[in-house]
Protein backbone atom coordinates (compact mmCIF):
# COMPACT_ATOMS: atom_id res chain seq x y z
CA UNK A 1 -53.80 24.70 -9.93
CA UNK A 2 -53.63 27.63 -12.50
CA UNK A 3 -50.32 29.40 -12.87
CA UNK A 4 -52.21 32.70 -13.17
CA UNK A 5 -55.30 33.99 -11.55
CA UNK A 6 -57.54 36.30 -13.77
CA UNK A 7 -59.53 38.64 -11.86
CA UNK A 8 -62.30 41.08 -13.07
CA UNK A 9 -63.54 44.14 -10.99
CA UNK A 10 -66.04 46.84 -12.07
CA UNK A 11 -65.77 50.43 -10.77
CA UNK A 12 -69.43 50.13 -10.04
CA UNK A 13 -71.30 46.79 -9.84
CA UNK A 14 -74.77 48.65 -10.23
CA UNK A 15 -76.08 50.58 -13.07
CA UNK A 16 -79.51 52.35 -13.52
CA UNK A 17 -82.01 50.42 -15.41
CA UNK A 18 -83.33 52.00 -18.84
CA UNK A 19 -80.25 54.20 -19.38
CA UNK A 20 -78.62 53.83 -22.74
CA UNK A 21 -74.91 53.77 -23.31
CA UNK A 22 -73.99 53.93 -19.52
CA UNK A 23 -70.36 53.71 -19.01
CA UNK A 24 -68.66 50.88 -17.16
CA UNK A 25 -64.93 50.69 -16.21
CA UNK A 26 -63.64 47.15 -15.75
CA UNK A 27 -60.04 46.31 -14.12
CA UNK A 28 -58.59 43.03 -15.34
CA UNK A 29 -55.72 41.76 -13.08
CA UNK A 30 -53.36 38.85 -14.24
CA UNK A 31 -51.95 37.58 -10.85
CA UNK A 32 -49.24 35.02 -10.94
CA UNK A 33 -49.47 32.06 -8.54
CA UNK A 34 -46.77 32.67 -5.92
CA UNK A 35 -46.16 28.79 -5.59
CA UNK A 36 -45.18 28.37 -9.26
CA UNK A 37 -41.41 28.32 -10.13
CA UNK A 38 -41.33 30.36 -13.37
CA UNK A 39 -37.63 29.99 -13.64
CA UNK A 40 -35.59 32.65 -15.45
CA UNK A 41 -35.81 33.15 -19.14
CA UNK A 42 -32.75 34.18 -21.05
CA UNK A 43 -32.49 37.93 -22.15
CA UNK A 44 -31.90 39.07 -25.63
CA UNK A 45 -31.18 42.89 -25.41
CA UNK A 46 -30.16 45.35 -27.90
CA UNK A 47 -28.64 48.90 -26.68
CA UNK A 48 -29.42 51.46 -29.46
CA UNK A 49 -27.57 54.72 -28.59
CA UNK A 50 -27.32 58.08 -30.04
CA UNK A 51 -23.92 59.34 -30.76
CA UNK A 52 -24.81 62.50 -32.73
CA UNK A 53 -22.76 65.59 -32.02
CA UNK A 54 -25.19 66.90 -29.55
CA UNK A 55 -24.47 63.90 -27.35
CA UNK A 56 -20.84 65.15 -26.56
CA UNK A 57 -19.99 65.55 -23.02
CA UNK A 58 -21.79 64.40 -19.86
CA UNK A 59 -24.75 62.87 -21.64
CA UNK A 60 -22.38 60.44 -23.76
CA UNK A 61 -20.24 59.59 -20.84
CA UNK A 62 -23.37 58.75 -18.71
CA UNK A 63 -24.82 56.69 -21.56
CA UNK A 64 -21.51 54.56 -21.88
CA UNK A 65 -21.48 54.23 -18.04
CA UNK A 66 -24.99 52.95 -18.25
CA UNK A 67 -24.16 50.60 -21.21
CA UNK A 68 -21.36 49.14 -19.10
CA UNK A 69 -23.59 48.61 -16.18
CA UNK A 70 -26.06 46.61 -18.39
CA UNK A 71 -23.21 44.66 -19.52
CA UNK A 72 -22.12 43.81 -15.83
CA UNK A 73 -25.85 43.18 -14.84
CA UNK A 74 -26.55 40.51 -17.53
CA UNK A 75 -26.16 36.76 -16.84
CA UNK A 76 -24.14 34.11 -18.58
CA UNK A 77 -26.97 32.74 -20.77
CA UNK A 78 -28.20 36.17 -21.97
CA UNK A 79 -27.47 37.90 -25.23
CA UNK A 80 -26.41 41.45 -25.98
CA UNK A 81 -25.77 43.52 -28.92
CA UNK A 82 -24.67 47.27 -28.88
CA UNK A 83 -25.44 49.59 -31.79
CA UNK A 84 -24.89 53.51 -32.20
CA UNK A 85 -26.33 55.82 -34.60
CA UNK A 86 -25.76 59.17 -35.72
CA UNK A 87 -26.09 59.84 -39.62
CA UNK A 88 -25.83 56.07 -40.09
CA UNK A 89 -25.96 53.02 -37.74
CA UNK A 90 -22.96 51.06 -36.58
CA UNK A 91 -22.76 47.86 -34.71
CA UNK A 92 -20.35 48.26 -31.92
CA UNK A 93 -20.79 44.77 -30.72
CA UNK A 94 -22.87 42.27 -32.55
CA UNK A 95 -25.12 39.94 -30.55
CA UNK A 96 -23.31 37.39 -28.45
CA UNK A 97 -23.42 35.79 -25.11
CA UNK A 98 -21.75 37.25 -22.12
CA UNK A 99 -18.78 34.98 -22.01
CA UNK A 100 -16.45 37.71 -22.49
CA UNK A 101 -17.82 40.99 -20.82
CA UNK A 102 -14.43 42.64 -21.20
CA UNK A 103 -15.06 42.76 -25.11
CA UNK A 104 -18.12 44.58 -24.46
CA UNK A 105 -16.83 47.13 -22.11
CA UNK A 106 -13.67 48.06 -24.02
CA UNK A 107 -15.66 48.69 -27.16
CA UNK A 108 -18.39 50.60 -25.32
CA UNK A 109 -15.66 52.88 -23.70
CA UNK A 110 -14.30 53.80 -27.29
CA UNK A 111 -17.57 55.18 -28.54
CA UNK A 112 -17.48 58.80 -29.74
CA UNK A 113 -20.05 61.34 -30.66
CA UNK A 114 -20.21 63.35 -33.90
CA UNK A 115 -22.85 64.25 -36.86
CA UNK A 116 -26.47 64.10 -37.01
CA UNK A 117 -29.39 61.87 -35.82
CA UNK A 118 -30.92 59.11 -37.80
CA UNK A 119 -32.67 57.03 -35.12
CA UNK A 120 -34.48 54.63 -37.58
CA UNK A 121 -31.23 53.32 -38.99
CA UNK A 122 -30.26 52.38 -35.36
CA UNK A 123 -33.48 50.91 -34.59
CA UNK A 124 -33.56 48.97 -37.91
CA UNK A 125 -30.13 47.44 -36.90
CA UNK A 126 -31.41 46.74 -33.48
CA UNK A 127 -34.23 44.70 -34.58
CA UNK A 128 -31.99 42.67 -36.85
CA UNK A 129 -29.44 42.16 -34.06
CA UNK A 130 -31.96 40.82 -31.81
CA UNK A 131 -33.27 38.60 -34.78
CA UNK A 132 -34.52 35.16 -34.32
CA UNK A 133 -33.57 32.96 -31.47
CA UNK A 134 -33.94 29.31 -30.72
CA UNK A 135 -36.00 28.63 -27.74
CA UNK A 136 -37.87 31.12 -25.59
CA UNK A 137 -36.18 34.50 -24.59
CA UNK A 138 -37.16 37.85 -23.57
CA UNK A 139 -36.34 40.30 -26.43
CA UNK A 140 -35.94 43.91 -25.40
CA UNK A 141 -34.33 46.88 -26.99
CA UNK A 142 -33.39 50.10 -25.20
CA UNK A 143 -33.31 53.18 -27.42
CA UNK A 144 -31.59 56.36 -26.11
CA UNK A 145 -31.60 59.89 -27.80
CA UNK A 146 -31.48 63.53 -27.17
CA UNK A 147 -32.65 64.96 -30.51
CA UNK A 148 -35.10 65.19 -33.34
CA UNK A 149 -34.41 62.54 -35.83
CA UNK A 150 -34.86 62.04 -39.59
CA UNK A 151 -37.47 59.58 -40.84
CA UNK A 152 -39.93 59.48 -38.14
CA UNK A 153 -42.27 57.21 -40.11
CA UNK A 154 -39.48 54.89 -40.62
CA UNK A 155 -39.01 54.66 -36.92
CA UNK A 156 -42.63 53.76 -36.46
CA UNK A 157 -42.23 51.14 -39.29
CA UNK A 158 -39.41 49.81 -37.38
CA UNK A 159 -41.54 49.80 -34.22
CA UNK A 160 -44.15 47.77 -35.94
CA UNK A 161 -41.52 45.27 -37.19
CA UNK A 162 -40.34 44.90 -33.58
CA UNK A 163 -43.85 44.24 -32.38
CA UNK A 164 -44.46 41.48 -34.90
CA UNK A 165 -41.05 40.00 -33.74
CA UNK A 166 -42.16 40.19 -30.15
CA UNK A 167 -39.52 42.74 -29.26
CA UNK A 168 -40.34 45.40 -26.50
CA UNK A 169 -38.87 48.72 -27.16
CA UNK A 170 -38.26 51.04 -24.27
CA UNK A 171 -37.35 54.65 -25.16
CA UNK A 172 -35.47 57.11 -23.20
CA UNK A 173 -35.21 60.84 -24.21
CA UNK A 174 -33.10 63.65 -22.61
CA UNK A 175 -33.06 67.47 -23.23
CA UNK A 176 -35.58 69.60 -25.00
CA UNK A 177 -35.18 68.70 -28.49
CA UNK A 178 -36.46 65.11 -29.25
CA UNK A 179 -39.99 64.16 -30.24
CA UNK A 180 -41.64 62.71 -27.14
CA UNK A 181 -44.73 61.82 -28.91
CA UNK A 182 -42.51 59.57 -31.29
CA UNK A 183 -40.69 58.04 -28.49
CA UNK A 184 -44.16 57.33 -26.72
CA UNK A 185 -45.69 55.91 -29.90
CA UNK A 186 -42.66 53.45 -30.39
CA UNK A 187 -43.00 52.08 -26.80
CA UNK A 188 -46.80 51.87 -26.89
CA UNK A 189 -46.81 49.82 -30.13
CA UNK A 190 -44.16 47.44 -28.76
CA UNK A 191 -45.39 47.23 -25.08
CA UNK A 192 -42.43 48.70 -23.87
CA UNK A 193 -42.10 52.06 -21.71
CA UNK A 194 -41.10 55.58 -22.50
CA UNK A 195 -38.82 57.87 -20.21
CA UNK A 196 -38.08 61.47 -20.13
CA UNK A 197 -34.80 61.84 -18.19
CA UNK A 198 -34.13 65.20 -16.34
CA UNK A 199 -30.63 64.51 -15.76
CA UNK A 200 -27.79 62.41 -17.57
CA UNK A 201 -27.12 60.79 -14.28
CA UNK A 202 -30.66 59.14 -14.52
CA UNK A 203 -29.62 57.11 -17.52
CA UNK A 204 -27.95 54.35 -15.40
CA UNK A 205 -30.93 54.01 -13.10
CA UNK A 206 -33.49 53.92 -15.74
CA UNK A 207 -31.61 51.23 -17.91
CA UNK A 208 -31.10 49.02 -14.85
CA UNK A 209 -34.70 49.31 -14.06
CA UNK A 210 -35.72 48.29 -17.41
CA UNK A 211 -33.32 45.50 -17.42
CA UNK A 212 -34.95 44.28 -14.21
CA UNK A 213 -38.41 44.34 -15.65
CA UNK A 214 -37.19 42.37 -18.68
CA UNK A 215 -35.62 39.71 -16.29
CA UNK A 216 -38.94 39.52 -14.40
CA UNK A 217 -40.88 38.24 -17.50
CA UNK A 218 -41.63 34.56 -17.08
CA UNK A 219 -45.00 34.32 -18.86
CA UNK A 220 -44.96 34.93 -22.75
CA UNK A 221 -47.24 35.09 -25.78
CA UNK A 222 -50.17 36.37 -23.75
CA UNK A 223 -53.35 37.45 -25.20
CA UNK A 224 -56.62 38.80 -23.82
CA UNK A 225 -59.95 38.08 -25.54
CA UNK A 226 -63.24 40.05 -24.79
CA UNK A 227 -66.62 38.31 -25.32
CA UNK A 228 -69.39 40.90 -25.02
CA UNK A 229 -72.94 40.53 -24.09
CA UNK A 230 -75.55 41.72 -26.76
CA UNK A 231 -75.47 45.61 -27.02
CA UNK A 232 -72.35 45.96 -25.03
CA UNK A 233 -69.57 47.97 -26.95
CA UNK A 234 -65.89 47.74 -26.15
CA UNK A 235 -64.48 51.26 -26.29
CA UNK A 236 -60.99 50.84 -25.62
CA UNK A 237 -58.36 48.74 -23.60
CA UNK A 238 -55.32 50.05 -21.72
CA UNK A 239 -52.48 48.36 -19.95
CA UNK A 240 -52.31 50.29 -16.82
CA UNK A 241 -49.64 48.32 -14.80
CA UNK A 242 -46.67 48.26 -15.23
CA UNK A 243 -47.13 51.35 -17.32
CA UNK A 244 -49.77 52.86 -19.21
CA UNK A 245 -50.09 51.72 -23.09
CA UNK A 246 -53.32 51.81 -25.25
CA UNK A 247 -53.70 48.24 -26.60
CA UNK A 248 -54.47 47.55 -30.17
CA UNK A 249 -57.45 45.71 -30.55
CA UNK A 250 -58.29 43.02 -33.25
CA UNK A 251 -62.20 42.23 -33.90
CA UNK A 252 -62.83 38.57 -34.19
CA UNK A 253 -66.39 39.15 -34.70
CA UNK A 254 -68.83 41.82 -33.98
CA UNK A 255 -69.12 40.88 -30.19
CA UNK A 256 -65.47 39.43 -29.79
CA UNK A 257 -62.24 41.28 -29.78
CA UNK A 258 -58.64 40.28 -28.97
CA UNK A 259 -55.40 41.99 -27.85
CA UNK A 260 -51.76 40.92 -27.94
CA UNK A 261 -50.46 41.81 -24.31
CA UNK A 262 -46.80 40.29 -24.70
CA UNK A 263 -44.99 39.04 -21.70
CA UNK A 264 -46.12 39.18 -18.07
CA UNK A 265 -44.33 39.66 -14.93
CA UNK A 266 -43.73 36.35 -13.16
CA UNK A 267 -43.71 37.91 -9.53
CA UNK A 268 -46.14 40.93 -9.81
CA UNK A 269 -49.51 41.96 -10.96
CA UNK A 270 -50.27 43.06 -14.49
CA UNK A 271 -53.48 45.34 -14.88
CA UNK A 272 -55.57 46.27 -17.74
CA UNK A 273 -58.41 48.96 -17.87
CA UNK A 274 -61.40 48.28 -20.27
CA UNK A 275 -63.98 50.87 -21.00
CA UNK A 276 -67.36 49.48 -21.83
CA UNK A 277 -70.61 51.04 -22.78
CA UNK A 278 -73.98 49.36 -21.69
CA UNK A 279 -77.24 49.12 -23.41
CA UNK A 280 -80.41 49.97 -21.60
CA UNK A 281 -82.00 47.02 -19.60
CA UNK A 282 -84.60 46.37 -16.90
CA UNK A 283 -83.68 45.55 -13.47
CA UNK A 284 -81.64 42.30 -12.96
CA UNK A 285 -78.08 40.86 -13.20
CA UNK A 286 -76.32 40.56 -16.49
CA UNK A 287 -72.90 39.19 -17.47
CA UNK A 288 -71.81 42.18 -19.69
CA UNK A 289 -68.39 40.57 -20.59
CA UNK A 290 -66.26 37.51 -20.24
CA UNK A 291 -62.50 37.96 -20.42
CA UNK A 292 -60.15 35.07 -21.52
CA UNK A 293 -56.42 35.08 -20.97
CA UNK A 294 -54.21 32.77 -22.87
CA UNK A 295 -50.41 32.45 -22.25
CA UNK A 296 -47.46 30.20 -22.21
CA UNK A 297 -44.99 29.37 -19.51
CA UNK A 298 -41.83 28.28 -21.32
CA UNK A 299 -39.88 27.09 -18.17
CA UNK A 300 -42.68 24.56 -17.48
CA UNK A 301 -43.34 23.83 -21.17
CA UNK A 302 -46.81 25.05 -20.93
CA UNK A 303 -48.55 26.29 -24.09
CA UNK A 304 -51.65 28.22 -24.62
CA UNK A 305 -53.05 27.80 -20.98
CA UNK A 306 -56.36 29.54 -20.32
CA UNK A 307 -57.87 31.48 -17.58
CA UNK A 308 -61.41 33.16 -17.49
CA UNK A 309 -63.27 35.68 -15.55
CA UNK A 310 -66.59 37.44 -15.94
CA UNK A 311 -67.98 40.82 -15.39
CA UNK A 312 -71.45 41.07 -13.96
CA UNK A 313 -73.57 44.27 -13.56
CA UNK A 314 -76.74 44.58 -11.76
CA UNK A 315 -79.37 47.02 -13.26
CA UNK A 316 -81.35 48.68 -10.64
CA UNK A 317 -83.72 51.70 -9.86
CA UNK A 318 -81.62 52.49 -6.79
CA UNK A 319 -79.35 55.40 -7.22
CA UNK A 320 -77.59 54.91 -3.94
CA UNK A 321 -76.47 51.49 -5.04
CA UNK A 322 -75.20 53.03 -8.36
CA UNK A 323 -73.12 55.47 -6.46
CA UNK A 324 -70.84 52.84 -4.88
CA UNK A 325 -67.47 52.86 -6.12
CA UNK A 326 -64.58 50.52 -5.93
CA UNK A 327 -61.87 52.95 -4.92
CA UNK A 328 -58.89 50.85 -6.22
CA UNK A 329 -60.49 50.30 -9.46
CA UNK A 330 -61.48 53.96 -10.00
CA UNK A 331 -57.90 54.94 -8.81
CA UNK A 332 -56.36 53.22 -11.75
CA UNK A 333 -58.96 54.70 -14.11
CA UNK A 334 -58.18 58.15 -12.75
CA UNK A 335 -54.80 57.73 -13.85
CA UNK A 336 -55.86 57.01 -17.43
CA UNK A 337 -58.15 60.02 -17.32
CA UNK A 338 -55.20 62.20 -15.92
CA UNK A 339 -52.92 61.01 -18.83
CA UNK A 340 -55.69 61.88 -21.51
CA UNK A 341 -56.22 65.25 -19.84
CA UNK A 342 -52.59 65.90 -20.23
CA UNK A 343 -52.76 65.07 -23.81
CA UNK A 344 -55.69 67.29 -24.33
CA UNK A 345 -53.87 70.18 -22.51
CA UNK A 346 -50.62 70.14 -24.58
CA UNK A 347 -52.74 69.91 -27.92
CA UNK A 348 -54.61 73.00 -26.77
CA UNK A 349 -51.42 74.78 -25.77
CA UNK A 350 -49.72 73.99 -28.95
CA UNK A 351 -53.01 75.58 -30.66
CA UNK A 352 -52.81 78.59 -28.51
CA UNK A 353 -55.77 77.98 -26.45
CA UNK A 354 -54.24 78.77 -23.00
CA UNK A 355 -57.52 78.75 -21.10
CA UNK A 356 -58.54 75.18 -22.36
CA UNK A 357 -54.92 74.07 -21.61
CA UNK A 358 -54.89 75.28 -18.02
CA UNK A 359 -58.34 73.93 -17.33
CA UNK A 360 -57.19 70.54 -18.41
CA UNK A 361 -53.96 70.72 -16.47
CA UNK A 362 -55.88 71.79 -13.29
CA UNK A 363 -58.14 68.83 -13.66
CA UNK A 364 -55.18 66.37 -14.27
CA UNK A 365 -53.48 67.96 -11.16
CA UNK A 366 -56.60 67.27 -9.06
CA UNK A 367 -56.34 63.61 -10.15
CA UNK A 368 -52.86 63.03 -9.46
CA UNK A 369 -53.09 64.73 -6.18
CA UNK A 370 -56.09 62.45 -5.18
CA UNK A 371 -53.97 59.45 -6.25
CA UNK A 372 -51.10 60.38 -4.10
CA UNK A 373 -48.75 61.02 -7.02
CA UNK A 374 -46.86 63.89 -5.54
CA UNK A 375 -44.11 64.08 -8.13
CA UNK A 376 -46.54 64.45 -11.01
CA UNK A 377 -48.75 66.76 -9.06
CA UNK A 378 -45.55 69.19 -8.91
CA UNK A 379 -44.73 68.59 -12.47
CA UNK A 380 -48.35 69.70 -13.47
CA UNK A 381 -48.12 72.63 -11.23
CA UNK A 382 -44.85 73.76 -13.03
CA UNK A 383 -46.70 73.33 -16.50
CA UNK A 384 -49.64 75.55 -15.18
CA UNK A 385 -47.21 78.19 -14.06
CA UNK A 386 -45.56 78.06 -17.47
CA UNK A 387 -48.96 78.70 -19.02
CA UNK A 388 -49.83 81.48 -16.61
CA UNK A 389 -46.55 83.42 -17.05
CA UNK A 390 -45.72 82.94 -20.59
CA UNK A 391 -48.83 81.55 -22.43
CA UNK A 392 -46.92 78.20 -23.29
CA UNK A 393 -45.72 75.12 -21.72
CA UNK A 394 -41.96 74.82 -21.74
CA UNK A 395 -40.41 71.98 -23.89
CA UNK A 396 -38.92 70.29 -20.73
CA UNK A 397 -42.20 70.39 -18.76
CA UNK A 398 -44.23 69.25 -21.66
CA UNK A 399 -41.98 66.09 -22.13
CA UNK A 400 -41.97 65.41 -18.31
CA UNK A 401 -45.81 65.48 -18.03
CA UNK A 402 -46.57 63.60 -21.23
CA UNK A 403 -44.25 60.77 -20.68
CA UNK A 404 -44.35 60.70 -16.91
CA UNK A 405 -48.19 60.36 -16.98
CA UNK A 406 -47.69 56.89 -18.47
CA UNK A 407 -45.82 55.56 -15.17
CA UNK A 408 -48.48 54.20 -12.92
CA UNK A 409 -48.61 54.58 -9.17
CA UNK A 410 -49.59 51.30 -7.56
CA UNK A 411 -52.81 51.20 -5.58
CA UNK A 412 -54.28 48.87 -3.04
CA UNK A 413 -57.72 49.28 -1.75
CA UNK A 414 -57.70 51.87 0.97
CA UNK A 415 -54.52 53.53 -0.22
CA UNK A 416 -56.67 55.50 -2.52
């Protein structure tokens, strides 16, 4: 019995014959087998905390409380390191097991804030602290900041190094001054998640949620390969669940592409959205793509297990058939469309095109409302109000909608 099921579902199973470059939206689900005992992999976590002068007060105190909660939440076999950064990076606690939690707690409580912001230094040290481990572990770095940093390109270089070392980096920004585009790209490259925090009190909640996500990884070294039929083009692939991230694709040959998808949840479904363009054909069924998933299950000593599924389209003259839509599949893609509209809107607003920005946000709001994402619908309305009143989106609203749109609402069939 396979330990994962791979499922492929198209938004539309029919397409009109003779139409060139018709779009096809394919949802790929990796579903863990409920009877498999995936065990628990040890965690190797680095906390990388901004302690620049602007962090003084409630933000720093809440960050320290969140870090202490992480310490309390980790198990005996887990590893943790704590790094701070202002003008330079400092290792507060080097990587060690959780044998003496009091040593972590006392050093964290002594952290103070001062000076400037140099996030790349903190990330560089965080990657080094996680380093190489013997045996399988889940490597995760949590980066928290409230301001603009020196050396953004170096931050992205650190992110690429983290990705090569299979370290997921989740980023947390608070306030109006940090660069949400930078934090989002760091998390995308490393297959982490990015968060805009509205209040310092959210730090604990989100740190623990990310720790829970890391603890749920039981499948590692996962890759998706897409084999395309002649004439089919692969436009893009996104992870949709647990959070939205555009995947980097590697061309194996002109009709085969591969993507590294990192670790997978052992207890929940992971979803990917694949956008294809189809060639014109006569009526009949065609398998337009085969999807291959390879993965490891370290707790069971399983390496390079393989599952496959295919996407079959029927070309037809019947327009009514072509109008039939899988609502769950389309609901997940609507969340991708909403995120793209929000990115278009923020670029338009930054360029002074208020009309185009408003139009895109109204379109995105219609999608989030239809999906049932009430919080995002409300945040989008606030951004629309900002544009109507002042001709610009406020910094806080922009961060909320850009990073908030990467967090997916789960859908099942008739829920959408």
